[in-house]
């Protein structure tokens, strides 16, 4: 066992007063006054209590916290045998078994033991105790630190203290035992989940499982907690009504004074509104707000991906550019509201003509672009092109009006007409202008004569 610390003093030798003075300096706190006396402030009951004893186990010093712990004055504590206050602390430093007794405190983690305390005012109660010895001028002294293990709910027990603190919180607070069985939820939890406390007490948080996360996600969560660390993350849970919500969650293990795991504390904030707003902004960054089709930015990204696949796997595709015929006249005659209705209907029809692996985008006012995945020759492109032209030629109902638009469609093939992004766009666009120059309402395949296409585009 470690050797006791040694201190020296220049106080007068011997006597109770000298020993008490040395204990005061060793503990580093003033001698206790009677805190019940008029005008004297009572110490905080949550502070650590300290007793100092001589080598016979007789109390020679007590801190203000000790007066609160035992609920008696310093005058009552000083001069008492330690075992009258803590029955297990019955020892005499001269006995051969004393060192083994002292070693008992350091055989447990952090040197704290939970023992029984006694006083006339409190009777028997539980107290956490640690014991250390020091040598001062060859005299062995003992410092006994104590923490109340059953403080009133107003200032000690962490479970009850947390319950009081979070009762009014808008966050969802949940307390579980070490097996994850729910012991407590606050009103914020009830409001966010729609579940009342009686619905969840005695059950596990699996009642909220949305099925969104794989088992490995929760295995990692529990691995973090069982290692004594805090978990932080966003979990998609399910409310009582079946709707999903996003919860920004913190879960931490709670330990008692002896450093033994007792509970898990979960605090969650409903971030569904923020998540949906972020998703909306991301959607707007990549999709056309009017038609809900991909916008120019997303289309160019999809085109680059299609070129990369064609280069790597030799899987070609068709690139289509189309421009609505007579759309300007529709806007001028019927107004922009009817024009917007027509554009939304065109977008719906184009989606209906395509497969899931294809891409359709609105890239301008009345201009659209399409990528037909896996279509690398003119024969394969013919059927979907005819379907698109027919769909856009059909009349469109606009409230009490009917409009017929049609479209001029140009198409090029990768890799037949090139593998470069800019070149493919130019070829498809030029073919579209050739279709428009021919009267519209049809499609034109890109020519291998680039100069001829350029001339047609200039004339259009």
Protein backbone atom coordinates (compact mmCIF):
# COMPACT_ATOMS: atom_id res chain seq x y z
CA UNK A 1 0.00 0.00 0.00
CA UNK A 2 1.17 3.56 -0.69
CA UNK A 3 3.02 5.23 2.14
CA UNK A 4 0.97 7.91 3.96
CA UNK A 5 1.71 11.53 3.11
CA UNK A 6 3.93 13.40 5.60
CA UNK A 7 3.43 16.97 6.79
CA UNK A 8 5.32 19.06 9.37
CA UNK A 9 4.07 21.77 11.66
CA UNK A 10 5.69 24.30 13.94
CA UNK A 11 2.74 24.36 16.32
CA UNK A 12 3.22 23.46 19.97
CA UNK A 13 3.55 19.75 20.54
CA UNK A 14 0.80 17.58 21.91
CA UNK A 15 -2.68 18.35 23.10
CA UNK A 16 -6.11 18.30 21.48
CA UNK A 17 -5.96 21.93 20.29
CA UNK A 18 -2.74 21.34 18.36
CA UNK A 19 -4.11 18.22 16.69
CA UNK A 20 -7.30 20.02 15.70
CA UNK A 21 -5.30 22.87 14.19
CA UNK A 22 -3.25 20.44 12.11
CA UNK A 23 -6.44 18.79 10.84
CA UNK A 24 -7.87 22.17 9.85
CA UNK A 25 -4.82 22.94 7.74
CA UNK A 26 -4.66 19.45 6.24
CA UNK A 27 -8.28 19.47 5.16
CA UNK A 28 -7.95 23.10 4.11
CA UNK A 29 -11.24 24.31 5.57
CA UNK A 30 -12.24 26.33 8.64
CA UNK A 31 -13.47 24.72 11.79
CA UNK A 32 -17.20 24.24 11.77
CA UNK A 33 -19.41 26.74 13.54
CA UNK A 34 -22.93 25.92 14.58
CA UNK A 35 -24.80 26.71 11.34
CA UNK A 36 -28.06 26.86 13.24
CA UNK A 37 -26.89 29.91 15.17
CA UNK A 38 -28.63 33.21 14.26
CA UNK A 39 -26.98 35.06 11.38
CA UNK A 40 -24.89 32.08 10.23
CA UNK A 41 -25.40 30.84 6.65
CA UNK A 42 -26.02 27.12 6.33
CA UNK A 43 -23.59 25.32 3.96
CA UNK A 44 -24.90 23.69 0.80
CA UNK A 45 -26.18 20.22 1.54
CA UNK A 46 -24.77 19.02 -1.77
CA UNK A 47 -21.16 19.73 -0.76
CA UNK A 48 -18.82 16.93 0.29
CA UNK A 49 -18.62 16.35 4.04
CA UNK A 50 -15.25 15.82 5.77
CA UNK A 51 -14.32 14.37 9.14
CA UNK A 52 -10.81 14.38 10.61
CA UNK A 53 -9.88 11.77 13.23
CA UNK A 54 -6.84 10.86 15.32
CA UNK A 55 -5.16 7.43 15.33
CA UNK A 56 -7.67 6.16 17.91
CA UNK A 57 -10.55 6.89 15.55
CA UNK A 58 -11.85 9.87 17.53
CA UNK A 59 -13.30 12.83 15.57
CA UNK A 60 -11.20 15.98 16.05
CA UNK A 61 -12.54 18.02 13.12
CA UNK A 62 -15.73 18.26 11.07
CA UNK A 63 -16.58 20.41 8.08
CA UNK A 64 -19.82 22.37 7.69
CA UNK A 65 -20.93 19.72 5.19
CA UNK A 66 -20.56 17.05 7.91
CA UNK A 67 -22.93 19.01 10.16
CA UNK A 68 -25.52 18.97 7.39
CA UNK A 69 -24.91 15.30 6.59
CA UNK A 70 -25.42 14.13 10.17
CA UNK A 71 -27.86 16.98 11.01
CA UNK A 72 -26.09 17.78 14.25
CA UNK A 73 -23.71 20.55 15.32
CA UNK A 74 -19.91 20.44 15.33
CA UNK A 75 -19.94 20.30 19.11
CA UNK A 76 -21.93 17.05 18.95
CA UNK A 77 -19.62 15.48 16.35
CA UNK A 78 -16.23 16.45 17.79
CA UNK A 79 -14.97 13.96 20.35
CA UNK A 80 -17.18 11.14 19.06
CA UNK A 81 -15.73 7.81 17.96
CA UNK A 82 -15.94 7.35 14.19
CA UNK A 83 -17.72 4.02 14.57
CA UNK A 84 -20.58 5.77 16.36
CA UNK A 85 -21.18 7.75 13.16
CA UNK A 86 -20.05 5.13 10.58
CA UNK A 87 -20.32 1.70 12.29
CA UNK A 88 -17.98 0.01 9.79
CA UNK A 89 -15.19 2.45 10.67
CA UNK A 90 -14.30 0.66 13.93
CA UNK A 91 -10.51 0.58 14.05
CA UNK A 92 -7.41 1.43 16.00
CA UNK A 93 -4.28 2.30 14.05
CA UNK A 94 -2.20 0.17 16.35
CA UNK A 95 -3.96 -3.09 15.45
CA UNK A 96 -2.26 -5.41 12.89
CA UNK A 97 -5.44 -5.55 10.77
CA UNK A 98 -5.60 -1.80 10.27
CA UNK A 99 -3.58 -1.67 7.04
CA UNK A 100 -5.79 -4.33 5.52
CA UNK A 101 -8.83 -2.31 6.54
CA UNK A 102 -7.42 0.85 4.90
CA UNK A 103 -6.55 -1.11 1.74
CA UNK A 104 -10.21 -2.08 1.41
CA UNK A 105 -11.03 1.44 0.22
CA UNK A 106 -8.52 1.23 -2.62
CA UNK A 107 -9.70 -2.17 -3.79
CA UNK A 108 -12.80 -0.53 -5.27
CA UNK A 109 -12.87 1.89 -8.17
CA UNK A 110 -11.93 5.41 -7.12
CA UNK A 111 -11.76 4.33 -3.47
CA UNK A 112 -15.42 4.90 -2.52
CA UNK A 113 -17.54 2.49 -0.50
CA UNK A 114 -21.23 2.81 0.32
CA UNK A 115 -21.68 2.28 4.07
CA UNK A 116 -24.27 2.96 6.72
CA UNK A 117 -24.20 6.27 8.58
CA UNK A 118 -25.92 7.01 11.90
CA UNK A 119 -26.89 10.05 13.93
CA UNK A 120 -29.47 10.95 16.53
CA UNK A 121 -31.22 13.31 14.11
CA UNK A 122 -31.26 11.09 10.99
CA UNK A 123 -31.13 7.58 12.35
CA UNK A 124 -29.59 5.16 9.83
CA UNK A 125 -28.85 6.36 6.29
CA UNK A 126 -26.64 5.43 3.33
CA UNK A 127 -23.41 7.33 2.76
CA UNK A 128 -20.50 7.00 0.30
CA UNK A 129 -17.17 7.01 2.12
CA UNK A 130 -13.48 7.16 1.26
CA UNK A 131 -10.63 7.12 3.80
CA UNK A 132 -7.07 8.41 3.63
CA UNK A 133 -4.29 8.61 6.22
CA UNK A 134 -1.56 11.25 6.64
CA UNK A 135 1.41 11.63 8.99
CA UNK A 136 1.88 15.02 10.66
CA UNK A 137 4.93 15.26 12.96
CA UNK A 138 4.85 11.45 13.32
CA UNK A 139 1.20 11.51 14.32
CA UNK A 140 -1.16 9.51 12.10
CA UNK A 141 -4.33 11.37 11.17
CA UNK A 142 -7.32 10.23 9.11
CA UNK A 143 -9.32 12.19 6.58
CA UNK A 144 -12.80 10.74 6.00
CA UNK A 145 -14.69 12.14 2.99
CA UNK A 146 -18.42 11.47 2.82
CA UNK A 147 -21.17 11.96 0.26
CA UNK A 148 -24.82 11.51 1.09
CA UNK A 149 -26.21 8.61 -0.97
CA UNK A 150 -29.83 9.54 -0.32
CA UNK A 151 -30.07 13.31 -0.53
CA UNK A 152 -33.56 14.83 -0.75
CA UNK A 153 -35.09 15.15 -4.22
CA UNK A 154 -34.61 18.91 -4.15
CA UNK A 155 -30.85 18.78 -4.59
CA UNK A 156 -29.19 15.42 -4.97
CA UNK A 157 -30.55 12.29 -6.59
CA UNK A 158 -29.60 12.78 -10.26
CA UNK A 159 -32.62 10.89 -11.56
CA UNK A 160 -35.10 13.00 -9.59
CA UNK A 161 -33.13 16.17 -10.20
CA UNK A 162 -33.19 15.60 -13.97
CA UNK A 163 -36.91 14.84 -13.84
CA UNK A 164 -37.61 18.20 -12.21
CA UNK A 165 -35.29 20.08 -14.55
CA UNK A 166 -36.71 18.74 -17.83
CA UNK A 167 -40.41 18.63 -16.98
CA UNK A 168 -41.03 21.89 -18.86
CA UNK A 169 -38.56 21.27 -21.71
CA UNK A 170 -39.90 21.20 -25.26
CA UNK A 171 -37.27 18.57 -26.11
CA UNK A 172 -38.12 14.88 -25.83
CA UNK A 173 -36.42 13.52 -22.71
CA UNK A 174 -36.35 9.81 -21.94
CA UNK A 175 -34.69 7.94 -19.08
CA UNK A 176 -34.12 4.20 -19.34
CA UNK A 177 -32.51 1.60 -17.14
CA UNK A 178 -29.33 -0.18 -18.20
CA UNK A 179 -31.33 -2.62 -20.34
CA UNK A 180 -33.08 0.17 -22.23
CA UNK A 181 -36.43 -0.18 -20.43
CA UNK A 182 -38.11 3.23 -20.20
CA UNK A 183 -38.39 4.63 -16.67
CA UNK A 184 -39.46 8.18 -17.46
CA UNK A 185 -40.51 10.47 -20.31
CA UNK A 186 -41.28 14.17 -20.07
CA UNK A 187 -44.23 16.11 -21.53
CA UNK A 188 -42.01 17.20 -24.43
CA UNK A 189 -41.63 13.53 -25.42
CA UNK A 190 -45.41 13.08 -25.29
CA UNK A 191 -46.00 16.15 -27.46
CA UNK A 192 -43.43 15.18 -30.12
CA UNK A 193 -44.29 11.48 -30.38
CA UNK A 194 -48.00 11.53 -29.58
CA UNK A 195 -47.38 8.75 -27.04
CA UNK A 196 -48.35 9.24 -23.42
CA UNK A 197 -46.11 8.12 -20.58
CA UNK A 198 -48.42 5.20 -19.76
CA UNK A 199 -47.97 3.98 -23.35
CA UNK A 200 -44.19 3.68 -23.05
CA UNK A 201 -43.19 3.11 -19.41
CA UNK A 202 -41.83 -0.40 -19.01
CA UNK A 203 -41.25 -0.72 -22.74
CA UNK A 204 -38.13 -0.04 -24.84
CA UNK A 205 -37.47 2.74 -27.40
CA UNK A 206 -38.15 0.18 -30.14
CA UNK A 207 -41.74 1.44 -29.90
CA UNK A 208 -40.50 4.43 -31.95
CA UNK A 209 -38.60 2.39 -34.56
CA UNK A 210 -39.45 3.58 -38.08
CA UNK A 211 -37.62 0.79 -39.89
CA UNK A 212 -35.53 3.43 -41.67
CA UNK A 213 -32.18 2.51 -40.11
CA UNK A 214 -30.46 -0.87 -40.60
CA UNK A 215 -29.65 -3.06 -37.55
CA UNK A 216 -25.99 -2.09 -37.88
CA UNK A 217 -26.90 1.52 -37.05
CA UNK A 218 -28.36 0.57 -33.67
CA UNK A 219 -25.55 -1.92 -33.01
CA UNK A 220 -23.09 0.97 -33.35
CA UNK A 221 -25.28 3.14 -31.09
CA UNK A 222 -25.31 0.56 -28.31
CA UNK A 223 -21.62 -0.11 -28.75
CA UNK A 224 -20.92 3.58 -28.09
CA UNK A 225 -23.11 3.65 -24.97
CA UNK A 226 -21.74 0.42 -23.49
CA UNK A 227 -18.25 1.83 -23.89
CA UNK A 228 -19.34 4.65 -21.56
CA UNK A 229 -19.41 7.29 -24.32
CA UNK A 230 -22.13 9.69 -25.45
CA UNK A 231 -23.98 9.01 -28.70
CA UNK A 232 -24.96 11.90 -30.95
CA UNK A 233 -26.84 11.58 -34.22
CA UNK A 234 -30.08 12.08 -36.13
CA UNK A 235 -32.63 9.29 -35.93
CA UNK A 236 -35.79 8.93 -38.01
CA UNK A 237 -38.52 7.76 -35.62
CA UNK A 238 -42.23 7.05 -35.96
CA UNK A 239 -45.00 8.90 -34.11
CA UNK A 240 -48.08 7.25 -32.65
CA UNK A 241 -50.08 8.28 -35.75
CA UNK A 242 -47.56 6.52 -38.01
CA UNK A 243 -45.91 9.65 -39.40
CA UNK A 244 -42.12 9.88 -39.45
CA UNK A 245 -40.09 12.58 -37.75
CA UNK A 246 -36.40 13.44 -37.63
CA UNK A 247 -34.90 13.67 -34.16
CA UNK A 248 -31.52 15.18 -33.38
CA UNK A 249 -30.61 13.00 -30.43
CA UNK A 250 -28.05 12.82 -27.66
CA UNK A 251 -27.88 9.70 -25.47
CA UNK A 252 -25.48 9.47 -22.57
CA UNK A 253 -24.84 6.92 -19.81
CA UNK A 254 -25.40 8.02 -16.18
CA UNK A 255 -23.30 6.74 -13.29
CA UNK A 256 -23.84 6.86 -9.54
CA UNK A 257 -21.35 8.08 -6.94
CA UNK A 258 -19.62 4.68 -7.01
CA UNK A 259 -19.20 5.04 -10.80
CA UNK A 260 -21.69 2.25 -11.51
CA UNK A 261 -23.90 2.62 -14.60
CA UNK A 262 -27.51 3.23 -13.53
CA UNK A 263 -29.41 4.78 -16.46
CA UNK A 264 -29.27 6.12 -19.99
CA UNK A 265 -30.48 9.66 -20.59
CA UNK A 266 -31.82 10.52 -24.05
CA UNK A 267 -32.57 14.10 -25.13
CA UNK A 268 -34.06 14.61 -28.59
CA UNK A 269 -35.11 17.64 -30.60
CA UNK A 270 -37.64 17.41 -33.42
CA UNK A 271 -35.80 18.70 -36.50
CA UNK A 272 -38.36 17.55 -39.06
CA UNK A 273 -39.21 21.09 -40.20
CA UNK A 274 -35.53 21.92 -40.74
CA UNK A 275 -34.88 18.64 -42.57
CA UNK A 276 -37.87 19.20 -44.88
CA UNK A 277 -36.80 22.77 -45.58
CA UNK A 278 -33.28 21.61 -46.41
CA UNK A 279 -34.72 18.95 -48.72
CA UNK A 280 -36.90 21.59 -50.39
CA UNK A 281 -33.91 23.86 -50.99
CA UNK A 282 -31.87 20.95 -52.35
CA UNK A 283 -34.78 20.03 -54.62
CA UNK A 284 -34.99 23.60 -55.91
CA UNK A 285 -31.27 23.51 -56.63
CA UNK A 286 -31.73 20.55 -58.99
CA UNK A 287 -35.34 20.62 -60.20
CA UNK A 288 -37.55 23.05 -62.08
CA UNK A 289 -40.11 24.49 -59.70
CA UNK A 290 -42.90 24.74 -62.29
CA UNK A 291 -42.74 21.30 -63.93
CA UNK A 292 -40.86 19.32 -61.23
CA UNK A 293 -38.53 18.09 -63.96
CA UNK A 294 -34.74 18.14 -63.62
CA UNK A 295 -33.26 21.58 -64.26
CA UNK A 296 -30.32 22.46 -66.52
CA UNK A 297 -27.75 21.90 -63.75
CA UNK A 298 -28.97 18.39 -62.89
CA UNK A 299 -29.36 17.54 -66.57
CA UNK A 300 -25.74 18.43 -67.35
CA UNK A 301 -24.63 16.29 -64.41
CA UNK A 302 -26.71 13.34 -65.67
CA UNK A 303 -25.30 13.85 -69.16
CA UNK A 304 -21.72 13.68 -67.88
CA UNK A 305 -22.59 10.47 -66.01
CA UNK A 306 -24.12 8.98 -69.16
CA UNK A 307 -20.98 9.83 -71.18
CA UNK A 308 -18.79 8.23 -68.49
CA UNK A 309 -20.86 5.02 -68.58
CA UNK A 310 -20.76 4.96 -72.37
CA UNK A 311 -16.99 5.32 -72.33
CA UNK A 312 -16.40 2.74 -69.61
CA UNK A 313 -19.03 0.11 -70.41
CA UNK A 314 -19.73 0.85 -74.12
CA UNK A 315 -23.37 1.54 -73.29
CA UNK A 316 -24.59 4.29 -75.56
CA UNK A 317 -27.54 6.66 -75.17
CA UNK A 318 -29.68 9.06 -77.17
CA UNK A 319 -29.67 12.79 -76.43
CA UNK A 320 -32.88 14.65 -77.36
CA UNK A 321 -33.46 18.39 -77.50
CA UNK A 322 -37.01 19.67 -78.15
CA UNK A 323 -38.63 23.07 -78.45
CA UNK A 324 -42.40 23.62 -78.27
CA UNK A 325 -44.01 24.96 -81.45
CA UNK A 326 -46.17 28.10 -81.19
CA UNK A 327 -45.67 28.44 -77.45
CA UNK A 328 -45.07 32.18 -77.75
CA UNK A 329 -48.44 32.61 -79.46
CA UNK A 330 -50.16 30.65 -76.66
CA UNK A 331 -48.59 32.95 -74.05
CA UNK A 332 -49.55 36.07 -76.02
CA UNK A 333 -53.14 34.94 -76.68
CA UNK A 334 -54.05 33.26 -73.37
CA UNK A 335 -51.60 34.73 -70.87
CA UNK A 336 -48.76 33.37 -68.78
CA UNK A 337 -51.04 31.46 -66.41
CA UNK A 338 -52.26 29.30 -69.29
CA UNK A 339 -48.67 29.04 -70.52
CA UNK A 340 -47.60 27.65 -67.13
CA UNK A 341 -50.47 25.14 -67.21
CA UNK A 342 -49.33 23.99 -70.65
CA UNK A 343 -45.72 23.58 -69.49
CA UNK A 344 -46.79 21.49 -66.49
CA UNK A 345 -48.88 19.26 -68.77
CA UNK A 346 -45.99 18.89 -71.23
CA UNK A 347 -43.74 17.83 -68.35
CA UNK A 348 -46.29 15.26 -67.17
CA UNK A 349 -46.62 13.81 -70.67
CA UNK A 350 -42.88 13.58 -71.20
CA UNK A 351 -42.47 11.68 -67.91
CA UNK A 352 -45.18 9.31 -69.06
CA UNK A 353 -43.24 8.54 -72.25
CA UNK A 354 -40.01 7.57 -70.49
CA UNK A 355 -38.60 4.82 -68.34
CA UNK A 356 -37.26 5.21 -64.79
CA UNK A 357 -33.65 5.09 -66.01
CA UNK A 358 -34.20 7.96 -68.48
CA UNK A 359 -33.85 11.66 -67.67
CA UNK A 360 -36.09 14.52 -68.77
CA UNK A 361 -35.30 18.15 -67.94
CA UNK A 362 -36.64 21.61 -68.59
CA UNK A 363 -33.60 23.62 -69.68
CA UNK A 364 -35.26 26.85 -70.80
CA UNK A 365 -38.61 28.61 -71.16
CA UNK A 366 -40.15 26.11 -73.59
CA UNK A 367 -37.09 23.93 -74.19
CA UNK A 368 -36.67 20.40 -72.86
CA UNK A 369 -33.89 17.81 -73.01
CA UNK A 370 -34.04 14.03 -72.64
CA UNK A 371 -31.46 11.27 -72.14
CA UNK A 372 -32.62 7.83 -73.30
CA UNK A 373 -30.37 5.38 -71.46
CA UNK A 374 -29.08 2.39 -73.45
CA UNK A 375 -30.43 3.68 -76.77
CA UNK A 376 -27.39 3.88 -79.06
CA UNK A 377 -28.77 3.43 -82.61
CA UNK A 378 -31.42 5.03 -84.77
CA UNK A 379 -33.65 1.95 -84.87
CA UNK A 380 -33.84 1.71 -81.05
CA UNK A 381 -34.56 5.44 -80.79
CA UNK A 382 -37.42 5.42 -83.31
CA UNK A 383 -40.22 4.07 -81.04
CA UNK A 384 -39.66 6.39 -78.06
CA UNK A 385 -39.24 9.39 -80.41
CA UNK A 386 -42.55 8.69 -82.15
CA UNK A 387 -44.23 8.30 -78.77
CA UNK A 388 -42.87 11.68 -77.61
CA UNK A 389 -43.91 13.52 -80.80
CA UNK A 390 -47.43 12.04 -80.62
CA UNK A 391 -47.84 12.93 -76.95
CA UNK A 392 -46.85 16.55 -77.52
CA UNK A 393 -49.06 16.90 -80.61
CA UNK A 394 -52.24 16.02 -78.64
CA UNK A 395 -54.51 18.90 -77.60
CA UNK A 396 -54.04 20.43 -74.15
CA UNK A 397 -57.05 21.52 -72.08
CA UNK A 398 -56.47 24.92 -70.45
CA UNK A 399 -59.53 25.62 -68.29
CA UNK A 400 -62.21 26.53 -70.88
CA UNK A 401 -59.72 26.59 -73.77
CA UNK A 402 -57.93 23.97 -75.83
CA UNK A 403 -54.44 24.45 -77.27
CA UNK A 404 -52.45 22.37 -79.74
CA UNK A 405 -48.71 22.89 -79.63
CA UNK A 406 -46.52 20.10 -80.94
CA UNK A 407 -42.72 20.22 -80.79
CA UNK A 408 -39.61 20.30 -82.93
CA UNK A 409 -37.34 17.46 -81.80
CA UNK A 410 -33.65 16.87 -82.52
CA UNK A 411 -31.73 13.75 -81.51
CA UNK A 412 -28.13 12.57 -81.59
CA UNK A 413 -26.54 9.30 -80.50
CA UNK A 414 -23.57 8.56 -78.32
CA UNK A 415 -21.06 7.30 -79.32
CA UNK A 416 -22.11 7.58 -82.99
CA UNK A 417 -22.16 11.37 -83.00
CA UNK A 418 -19.41 11.84 -80.41
CA UNK A 419 -18.45 11.38 -76.76
CA UNK A 420 -17.88 15.02 -75.83
CA UNK A 421 -20.53 16.81 -73.77
CA UNK A 422 -20.43 20.11 -75.65
CA UNK A 423 -20.31 18.38 -79.05
CA UNK A 424 -23.32 16.16 -78.27
CA UNK A 425 -25.39 19.12 -77.09
CA UNK A 426 -24.47 21.06 -80.21
CA UNK A 427 -25.47 18.14 -82.49
CA UNK A 428 -28.83 17.58 -80.78
CA UNK A 429 -29.59 21.31 -80.74
CA UNK A 430 -28.71 21.67 -84.42
CA UNK A 431 -30.95 18.72 -85.32
CA UNK A 432 -33.81 20.37 -83.39
CA UNK A 433 -33.43 23.54 -85.47
CA UNK A 434 -33.53 21.44 -88.65
CA UNK A 435 -36.84 19.97 -87.46
CA UNK A 436 -38.18 23.46 -86.77
CA UNK A 437 -37.00 24.64 -90.21
CA UNK A 438 -38.98 21.75 -91.74
CA UNK A 439 -42.20 23.03 -90.15
CA UNK A 440 -42.02 21.44 -86.69
CA UNK A 441 -44.16 18.70 -85.21
CA UNK A 442 -41.56 16.01 -85.95
CA UNK A 443 -38.11 14.74 -85.04
CA UNK A 444 -34.83 14.87 -86.95
CA UNK A 445 -31.77 12.68 -86.38
CA UNK A 446 -28.42 14.48 -86.23
CA UNK A 447 -26.41 14.47 -89.43
CA UNK A 448 -22.83 13.40 -89.75
CA UNK A 449 -22.27 16.65 -91.66
CA UNK A 450 -21.60 19.15 -88.88
CA UNK A 451 -21.34 22.13 -91.27
CA UNK A 452 -24.76 21.42 -92.77
CA UNK A 453 -26.37 21.33 -89.32
CA UNK A 454 -24.71 24.61 -88.43
CA UNK A 455 -26.13 26.25 -91.53
CA UNK A 456 -29.63 24.95 -90.75
CA UNK A 457 -29.39 26.30 -87.21
CA UNK A 458 -28.31 29.72 -88.53
CA UNK A 459 -31.27 29.86 -90.94
CA UNK A 460 -33.68 28.99 -88.11
